[in-house]
Amino acid sequence: MIAAIAWKAPIRHALYALACSLLFSLAVTASAQDSNGLQGLLEPSKPQAKVAPVQFPAAPQNSNLIKVAVTGGSTLEFFVDRSSISIAGDALVRYTLVARSAHGPSNVSYEGLDCAQDSWRIYGVWSAGSQRWTPNPSSDWHRVNAGGFTRIHAVLDTDYVCEGRLAAGSSAGIVAKLRRGIHTLRPTP
């Protein structure tokens, strides 16, 4: 009986030391992420690179729209305006996204996808009534999310627009990928 009690103390101390080292490593990891400017999933993220100011493209034309397949039961159809795709810096891709419901109405937004930060934002929305872009200067950057109504951003990120932490080549190359509908082998985040 005394032998059984004697070995419990060293095991308890070892488990305590293991738990402390685990907590310490988590704290160091969190501190390193904060110092690199990385933020959590629920907080907006901001890209690190300085890039050219936003210039809104012309209104999207149906003849320039390329359909982007989004799985997962989306009730919307998504299109990218091929004439609006531009690359700013090494990692930021800007494009016009058109989201159409089966009943006809469309939402048109000019967006940016930052490959280096896996984040996206809306620069402005197209107003069909006034025939102009309405800037959205207070729009935050948001993490690319593979689920929900923002899944389109994960599809664009992993399948067409980004290669690792950089833009996937040129605007023409991205248009070619969109036209072919070829997906990369990278898993969606």
C-alpha atoms as a PDB file:
ATOM      1  CA  MET A   1       0.000   0.000   0.000  1.00  0.00           C
ATOM      2  CA  ILE A   2       2.853   2.409   0.843  1.00  0.00           C
ATOM      3  CA  ALA A   3       4.527   1.638  -2.516  1.00  0.00           C
ATOM      4  CA  ALA A   4       1.313   2.608  -4.377  1.00  0.00           C
ATOM      5  CA  ILE A   5       1.193   5.976  -2.622  1.00  0.00           C
ATOM      6  CA  ALA A   6       4.893   6.642  -3.226  1.00  0.00           C
ATOM      7  CA  TRP A   7       4.642   6.494  -7.058  1.00  0.00           C
ATOM      8  CA  LYS A   8       1.543   8.741  -7.238  1.00  0.00           C
ATOM      9  CA  ALA A   9       3.437  11.869  -6.153  1.00  0.00           C
ATOM     10  CA  PRO A  10       6.046  11.693  -8.994  1.00  0.00           C
ATOM     11  CA  ILE A  11       3.307  11.089 -11.583  1.00  0.00           C
ATOM     12  CA  ARG A  12       1.265  13.957 -10.214  1.00  0.00           C
ATOM     13  CA  HIS A  13       4.326  16.252 -10.402  1.00  0.00           C
ATOM     14  CA  ALA A  14       5.073  15.100 -13.942  1.00  0.00           C
ATOM     15  CA  LEU A  15       1.480  15.758 -15.048  1.00  0.00           C
ATOM     16  CA  TYR A  16       1.598  19.178 -13.397  1.00  0.00           C
ATOM     17  CA  ALA A  17       4.856  20.029 -15.187  1.00  0.00           C
ATOM     18  CA  LEU A  18       3.402  18.833 -18.503  1.00  0.00           C
ATOM     19  CA  ALA A  19       0.270  20.955 -18.037  1.00  0.00           C
ATOM     20  CA  CYS A  20       2.353  24.022 -17.165  1.00  0.00           C
ATOM     21  CA  SER A  21       4.600  23.587 -20.204  1.00  0.00           C
ATOM     22  CA  LEU A  22       1.538  23.183 -22.442  1.00  0.00           C
ATOM     23  CA  LEU A  23      -0.022  26.383 -21.097  1.00  0.00           C
ATOM     24  CA  PHE A  24       3.304  28.195 -21.499  1.00  0.00           C
ATOM     25  CA  SER A  25       3.657  27.094 -25.127  1.00  0.00           C
ATOM     26  CA  LEU A  26       0.087  28.223 -25.876  1.00  0.00           C
ATOM     27  CA  ALA A  27       0.809  31.621 -24.334  1.00  0.00           C
ATOM     28  CA  VAL A  28       4.014  31.991 -26.366  1.00  0.00           C
ATOM     29  CA  THR A  29       2.181  31.033 -29.570  1.00  0.00           C
ATOM     30  CA  ALA A  30      -0.597  33.538 -28.881  1.00  0.00           C
ATOM     31  CA  SER A  31       1.947  36.240 -28.102  1.00  0.00           C
ATOM     32  CA  ALA A  32       3.840  35.516 -31.331  1.00  0.00           C
ATOM     33  CA  GLN A  33       0.630  35.709 -33.343  1.00  0.00           C
ATOM     34  CA  ASP A  34      -0.305  39.038 -31.783  1.00  0.00           C
ATOM     35  CA  SER A  35       3.149  40.472 -32.485  1.00  0.00           C
ATOM     36  CA  ASN A  36       2.832  39.444 -36.151  1.00  0.00           C
ATOM     37  CA  GLY A  37      -0.498  41.209 -36.483  1.00  0.00           C
ATOM     38  CA  LEU A  38      -2.519  38.032 -36.829  1.00  0.00           C
ATOM     39  CA  GLN A  39      -5.964  38.101 -35.329  1.00  0.00           C
ATOM     40  CA  GLY A  40      -8.653  35.599 -34.453  1.00  0.00           C
ATOM     41  CA  LEU A  41     -11.372  34.296 -36.731  1.00  0.00           C
ATOM     42  CA  LEU A  42     -14.019  36.625 -35.368  1.00  0.00           C
ATOM     43  CA  GLU A  43     -11.929  39.763 -35.562  1.00  0.00           C
ATOM     44  CA  PRO A  44     -11.264  41.593 -38.810  1.00  0.00           C
ATOM     45  CA  SER A  45      -7.737  41.318 -40.135  1.00  0.00           C
ATOM     46  CA  LYS A  46      -5.809  43.966 -41.998  1.00  0.00           C
ATOM     47  CA  PRO A  47      -3.299  43.308 -44.761  1.00  0.00           C
ATOM     48  CA  GLN A  48       0.292  44.276 -44.056  1.00  0.00           C
ATOM     49  CA  ALA A  49       1.309  45.401 -47.532  1.00  0.00           C
ATOM     50  CA  LYS A  50       0.847  48.922 -48.867  1.00  0.00           C
ATOM     51  CA  VAL A  51      -0.816  48.793 -52.275  1.00  0.00           C
ATOM     52  CA  ALA A  52      -2.223  51.126 -54.899  1.00  0.00           C
ATOM     53  CA  PRO A  53      -5.401  53.012 -54.020  1.00  0.00           C
ATOM     54  CA  VAL A  54      -8.716  51.562 -55.151  1.00  0.00           C
ATOM     55  CA  GLN A  55     -10.037  52.621 -58.542  1.00  0.00           C
ATOM     56  CA  PHE A  56     -13.494  51.283 -59.309  1.00  0.00           C
ATOM     57  CA  PRO A  57     -13.911  49.457 -62.617  1.00  0.00           C
ATOM     58  CA  ALA A  58     -16.651  49.987 -65.184  1.00  0.00           C
ATOM     59  CA  ALA A  59     -20.042  48.459 -64.487  1.00  0.00           C
ATOM     60  CA  PRO A  60     -20.031  44.705 -65.107  1.00  0.00           C
ATOM     61  CA  GLN A  61     -21.441  43.529 -68.440  1.00  0.00           C
ATOM     62  CA  ASN A  62     -23.143  40.139 -68.755  1.00  0.00           C
ATOM     63  CA  SER A  63     -20.756  39.224 -71.595  1.00  0.00           C
ATOM     64  CA  ASN A  64     -17.787  39.564 -69.192  1.00  0.00           C
ATOM     65  CA  LEU A  65     -19.198  37.446 -66.365  1.00  0.00           C
ATOM     66  CA  ILE A  66     -17.635  34.055 -65.616  1.00  0.00           C
ATOM     67  CA  LYS A  67     -19.623  31.703 -63.401  1.00  0.00           C
ATOM     68  CA  VAL A  68     -17.866  30.356 -60.311  1.00  0.00           C
ATOM     69  CA  ALA A  69     -19.218  27.073 -58.963  1.00  0.00           C
ATOM     70  CA  VAL A  70     -19.771  27.057 -55.207  1.00  0.00           C
ATOM     71  CA  THR A  71     -20.755  23.805 -53.569  1.00  0.00           C
ATOM     72  CA  GLY A  72     -22.524  23.401 -50.269  1.00  0.00           C
ATOM     73  CA  GLY A  73     -26.125  24.225 -51.069  1.00  0.00           C
ATOM     74  CA  SER A  74     -25.780  27.906 -51.920  1.00  0.00           C
ATOM     75  CA  THR A  75     -28.992  29.429 -53.236  1.00  0.00           C
ATOM     76  CA  LEU A  76     -26.999  32.077 -55.092  1.00  0.00           C
ATOM     77  CA  GLU A  77     -25.073  31.906 -58.340  1.00  0.00           C
ATOM     78  CA  PHE A  78     -21.737  33.717 -58.331  1.00  0.00           C
ATOM     79  CA  PHE A  79     -19.924  35.389 -61.208  1.00  0.00           C
ATOM     80  CA  VAL A  80     -16.669  37.310 -61.532  1.00  0.00           C
ATOM     81  CA  ASP A  81     -16.360  40.111 -64.076  1.00  0.00           C
ATOM     82  CA  ARG A  82     -13.248  39.146 -66.047  1.00  0.00           C
ATOM     83  CA  SER A  83     -12.575  42.730 -67.119  1.00  0.00           C
ATOM     84  CA  SER A  84     -12.386  43.909 -63.491  1.00  0.00           C
ATOM     85  CA  ILE A  85      -9.651  41.544 -62.243  1.00  0.00           C
ATOM     86  CA  SER A  86      -6.481  43.361 -61.222  1.00  0.00           C
ATOM     87  CA  ILE A  87      -3.483  42.550 -59.068  1.00  0.00           C
ATOM     88  CA  ALA A  88      -2.071  45.115 -56.631  1.00  0.00           C
ATOM     89  CA  GLY A  89       1.316  44.262 -55.176  1.00  0.00           C
ATOM     90  CA  ASP A  90       2.250  40.592 -54.895  1.00  0.00           C
ATOM     91  CA  ALA A  91      -0.742  39.302 -53.009  1.00  0.00           C
ATOM     92  CA  LEU A  92      -3.834  41.476 -53.448  1.00  0.00           C
ATOM     93  CA  VAL A  93      -6.354  40.599 -56.159  1.00  0.00           C
ATOM     94  CA  ARG A  94      -9.299  42.904 -56.844  1.00  0.00           C
ATOM     95  CA  TYR A  95     -12.407  41.876 -58.776  1.00  0.00           C
ATOM     96  CA  THR A  96     -16.117  42.527 -59.246  1.00  0.00           C
ATOM     97  CA  LEU A  97     -18.320  39.819 -57.754  1.00  0.00           C
ATOM     98  CA  VAL A  98     -21.920  39.369 -58.889  1.00  0.00           C
ATOM     99  CA  ALA A  99     -24.249  37.271 -56.715  1.00  0.00           C
ATOM    100  CA  ARG A 100     -27.614  36.384 -58.273  1.00  0.00           C
ATOM    101  CA  SER A 101     -30.577  34.722 -56.693  1.00  0.00           C
ATOM    102  CA  ALA A 102     -32.801  32.301 -58.601  1.00  0.00           C
ATOM    103  CA  HIS A 103     -35.474  35.004 -58.581  1.00  0.00           C
ATOM    104  CA  GLY A 104     -33.335  37.483 -60.520  1.00  0.00           C
ATOM    105  CA  PRO A 105     -32.020  40.216 -58.196  1.00  0.00           C
ATOM    106  CA  SER A 106     -28.253  40.683 -58.141  1.00  0.00           C
ATOM    107  CA  ASN A 107     -25.795  42.056 -55.641  1.00  0.00           C
ATOM    108  CA  VAL A 108     -22.696  43.531 -57.235  1.00  0.00           C
ATOM    109  CA  SER A 109     -19.615  44.337 -55.168  1.00  0.00           C
ATOM    110  CA  TYR A 110     -16.042  45.356 -55.898  1.00  0.00           C
ATOM    111  CA  GLU A 111     -13.824  43.325 -53.579  1.00  0.00           C
ATOM    112  CA  GLY A 112     -10.250  42.574 -52.668  1.00  0.00           C
ATOM    113  CA  LEU A 113      -8.786  39.225 -51.666  1.00  0.00           C
ATOM    114  CA  ASP A 114      -5.440  39.405 -49.853  1.00  0.00           C
ATOM    115  CA  CYS A 115      -3.647  36.109 -50.455  1.00  0.00           C
ATOM    116  CA  ALA A 116      -0.916  36.876 -47.904  1.00  0.00           C
ATOM    117  CA  GLN A 117      -3.422  37.328 -45.088  1.00  0.00           C
ATOM    118  CA  ASP A 118      -6.223  34.984 -46.281  1.00  0.00           C
ATOM    119  CA  SER A 119      -8.664  37.863 -45.956  1.00  0.00           C
ATOM    120  CA  TRP A 120     -11.202  39.743 -48.075  1.00  0.00           C
ATOM    121  CA  ARG A 121     -13.096  43.015 -48.019  1.00  0.00           C
ATOM    122  CA  ILE A 122     -15.726  44.929 -49.972  1.00  0.00           C
ATOM    123  CA  TYR A 123     -14.516  48.246 -51.421  1.00  0.00           C
ATOM    124  CA  GLY A 124     -17.918  49.262 -52.719  1.00  0.00           C
ATOM    125  CA  VAL A 125     -21.238  48.141 -54.161  1.00  0.00           C
ATOM    126  CA  TRP A 126     -22.802  48.897 -57.536  1.00  0.00           C
ATOM    127  CA  SER A 127     -26.013  50.912 -57.419  1.00  0.00           C
ATOM    128  CA  ALA A 128     -28.150  50.001 -60.434  1.00  0.00           C
ATOM    129  CA  GLY A 129     -30.434  52.958 -59.735  1.00  0.00           C
ATOM    130  CA  SER A 130     -27.731  55.618 -59.831  1.00  0.00           C
ATOM    131  CA  GLN A 131     -25.465  53.651 -62.200  1.00  0.00           C
ATOM    132  CA  ARG A 132     -22.372  54.171 -60.048  1.00  0.00           C
ATOM    133  CA  TRP A 133     -20.226  52.571 -57.383  1.00  0.00           C
ATOM    134  CA  THR A 134     -20.985  53.445 -53.777  1.00  0.00           C
ATOM    135  CA  PRO A 135     -17.715  53.267 -51.831  1.00  0.00           C
ATOM    136  CA  ASN A 136     -17.625  51.393 -48.538  1.00  0.00           C
ATOM    137  CA  PRO A 137     -14.682  53.055 -46.749  1.00  0.00           C
ATOM    138  CA  SER A 138     -15.506  51.523 -43.370  1.00  0.00           C
ATOM    139  CA  SER A 139     -15.373  47.940 -44.649  1.00  0.00           C
ATOM    140  CA  ASP A 140     -13.014  45.781 -42.599  1.00  0.00           C
ATOM    141  CA  TRP A 141     -10.911  42.891 -43.798  1.00  0.00           C
ATOM    142  CA  HIS A 142     -12.412  39.511 -42.865  1.00  0.00           C
ATOM    143  CA  ARG A 143     -10.829  36.087 -42.665  1.00  0.00           C
ATOM    144  CA  VAL A 144     -11.600  33.757 -45.547  1.00  0.00           C
ATOM    145  CA  ASN A 145     -14.135  31.262 -44.220  1.00  0.00           C
ATOM    146  CA  ALA A 146     -14.987  27.967 -45.928  1.00  0.00           C
ATOM    147  CA  GLY A 147     -18.542  27.863 -44.623  1.00  0.00           C
ATOM    148  CA  GLY A 148     -21.703  29.878 -44.827  1.00  0.00           C
ATOM    149  CA  PHE A 149     -22.650  32.621 -47.224  1.00  0.00           C
ATOM    150  CA  THR A 150     -19.044  33.807 -47.619  1.00  0.00           C
ATOM    151  CA  ARG A 151     -17.832  30.448 -48.968  1.00  0.00           C
ATOM    152  CA  ILE A 152     -17.334  32.096 -52.368  1.00  0.00           C
ATOM    153  CA  HIS A 153     -14.229  33.806 -50.975  1.00  0.00           C
ATOM    154  CA  ALA A 154     -12.691  30.481 -49.952  1.00  0.00           C
ATOM    155  CA  VAL A 155     -13.409  29.061 -53.412  1.00  0.00           C
ATOM    156  CA  LEU A 156     -11.820  32.065 -55.122  1.00  0.00           C
ATOM    157  CA  ASP A 157      -8.857  31.984 -52.731  1.00  0.00           C
ATOM    158  CA  THR A 158      -7.997  28.303 -52.945  1.00  0.00           C
ATOM    159  CA  ASP A 159      -9.122  27.453 -56.470  1.00  0.00           C
ATOM    160  CA  TYR A 160      -8.461  30.489 -58.661  1.00  0.00           C
ATOM    161  CA  VAL A 161      -6.923  33.633 -57.223  1.00  0.00           C
ATOM    162  CA  CYS A 162      -4.124  32.663 -54.825  1.00  0.00           C
ATOM    163  CA  GLU A 163      -1.128  30.336 -54.969  1.00  0.00           C
ATOM    164  CA  GLY A 164       0.137  30.058 -51.450  1.00  0.00           C
ATOM    165  CA  ARG A 165       0.544  33.560 -50.054  1.00  0.00           C
ATOM    166  CA  LEU A 166       0.819  35.241 -53.493  1.00  0.00           C
ATOM    167  CA  ALA A 167      -1.574  36.144 -56.280  1.00  0.00           C
ATOM    168  CA  ALA A 168      -1.874  33.323 -58.823  1.00  0.00           C
ATOM    169  CA  GLY A 169       0.080  34.894 -61.669  1.00  0.00           C
ATOM    170  CA  SER A 170      -1.464  37.568 -63.863  1.00  0.00           C
ATOM    171  CA  SER A 171      -5.019  38.799 -64.346  1.00  0.00           C
ATOM    172  CA  ALA A 172      -5.123  36.919 -67.667  1.00  0.00           C
ATOM    173  CA  GLY A 173      -3.989  33.716 -65.928  1.00  0.00           C
ATOM    174  CA  ILE A 174      -6.727  34.054 -63.310  1.00  0.00           C
ATOM    175  CA  VAL A 175      -9.298  34.640 -66.069  1.00  0.00           C
ATOM    176  CA  ALA A 176      -8.087  31.491 -67.851  1.00  0.00           C
ATOM    177  CA  LYS A 177      -8.466  29.440 -64.647  1.00  0.00           C
ATOM    178  CA  LEU A 178     -11.967  30.813 -64.093  1.00  0.00           C
ATOM    179  CA  ARG A 179     -12.982  29.990 -67.669  1.00  0.00           C
ATOM    180  CA  ARG A 180     -11.694  26.430 -67.400  1.00  0.00           C
ATOM    181  CA  GLY A 181     -13.210  25.965 -63.980  1.00  0.00           C
ATOM    182  CA  ILE A 182     -10.054  24.128 -62.942  1.00  0.00           C
ATOM    183  CA  HIS A 183      -9.593  23.761 -59.228  1.00  0.00           C
ATOM    184  CA  THR A 184      -6.285  23.397 -57.457  1.00  0.00           C
ATOM    185  CA  LEU A 185      -5.535  20.396 -55.307  1.00  0.00           C
ATOM    186  CA  ARG A 186      -5.204  22.540 -52.162  1.00  0.00           C
ATOM    187  CA  PRO A 187      -7.922  21.903 -49.588  1.00  0.00           C
ATOM    188  CA  THR A 188     -10.286  24.778 -48.870  1.00  0.00           C
ATOM    189  CA  PRO A 189      -9.449  26.355 -45.456  1.00  0.00           C
END
